[in-house]
């Protein structure tokens, strides 16, 4: 896996971008960020893990954030 992995999805009329970044050399942790942008507004939150997660696992970690976006439409 590269040091940083970024992917995006369309959601609720905006763009939700996920970023996973390895921390340390050697890697000791991973920082995950979800950022939602719609129009002039942007919201973000982050999580950490000690093991490498798949993209699907990262998205599950942000289920509460995604739910807030969906219900805030």
Foldseek 3Di string as FASTA:
>chain_A
DDQKDKDWDDDLQWIKMKMWGFDDVVGQKIKIKIWTDHDPDIDMDIDIGRDDDDPVVSVVVCVVVRVCSNVVD
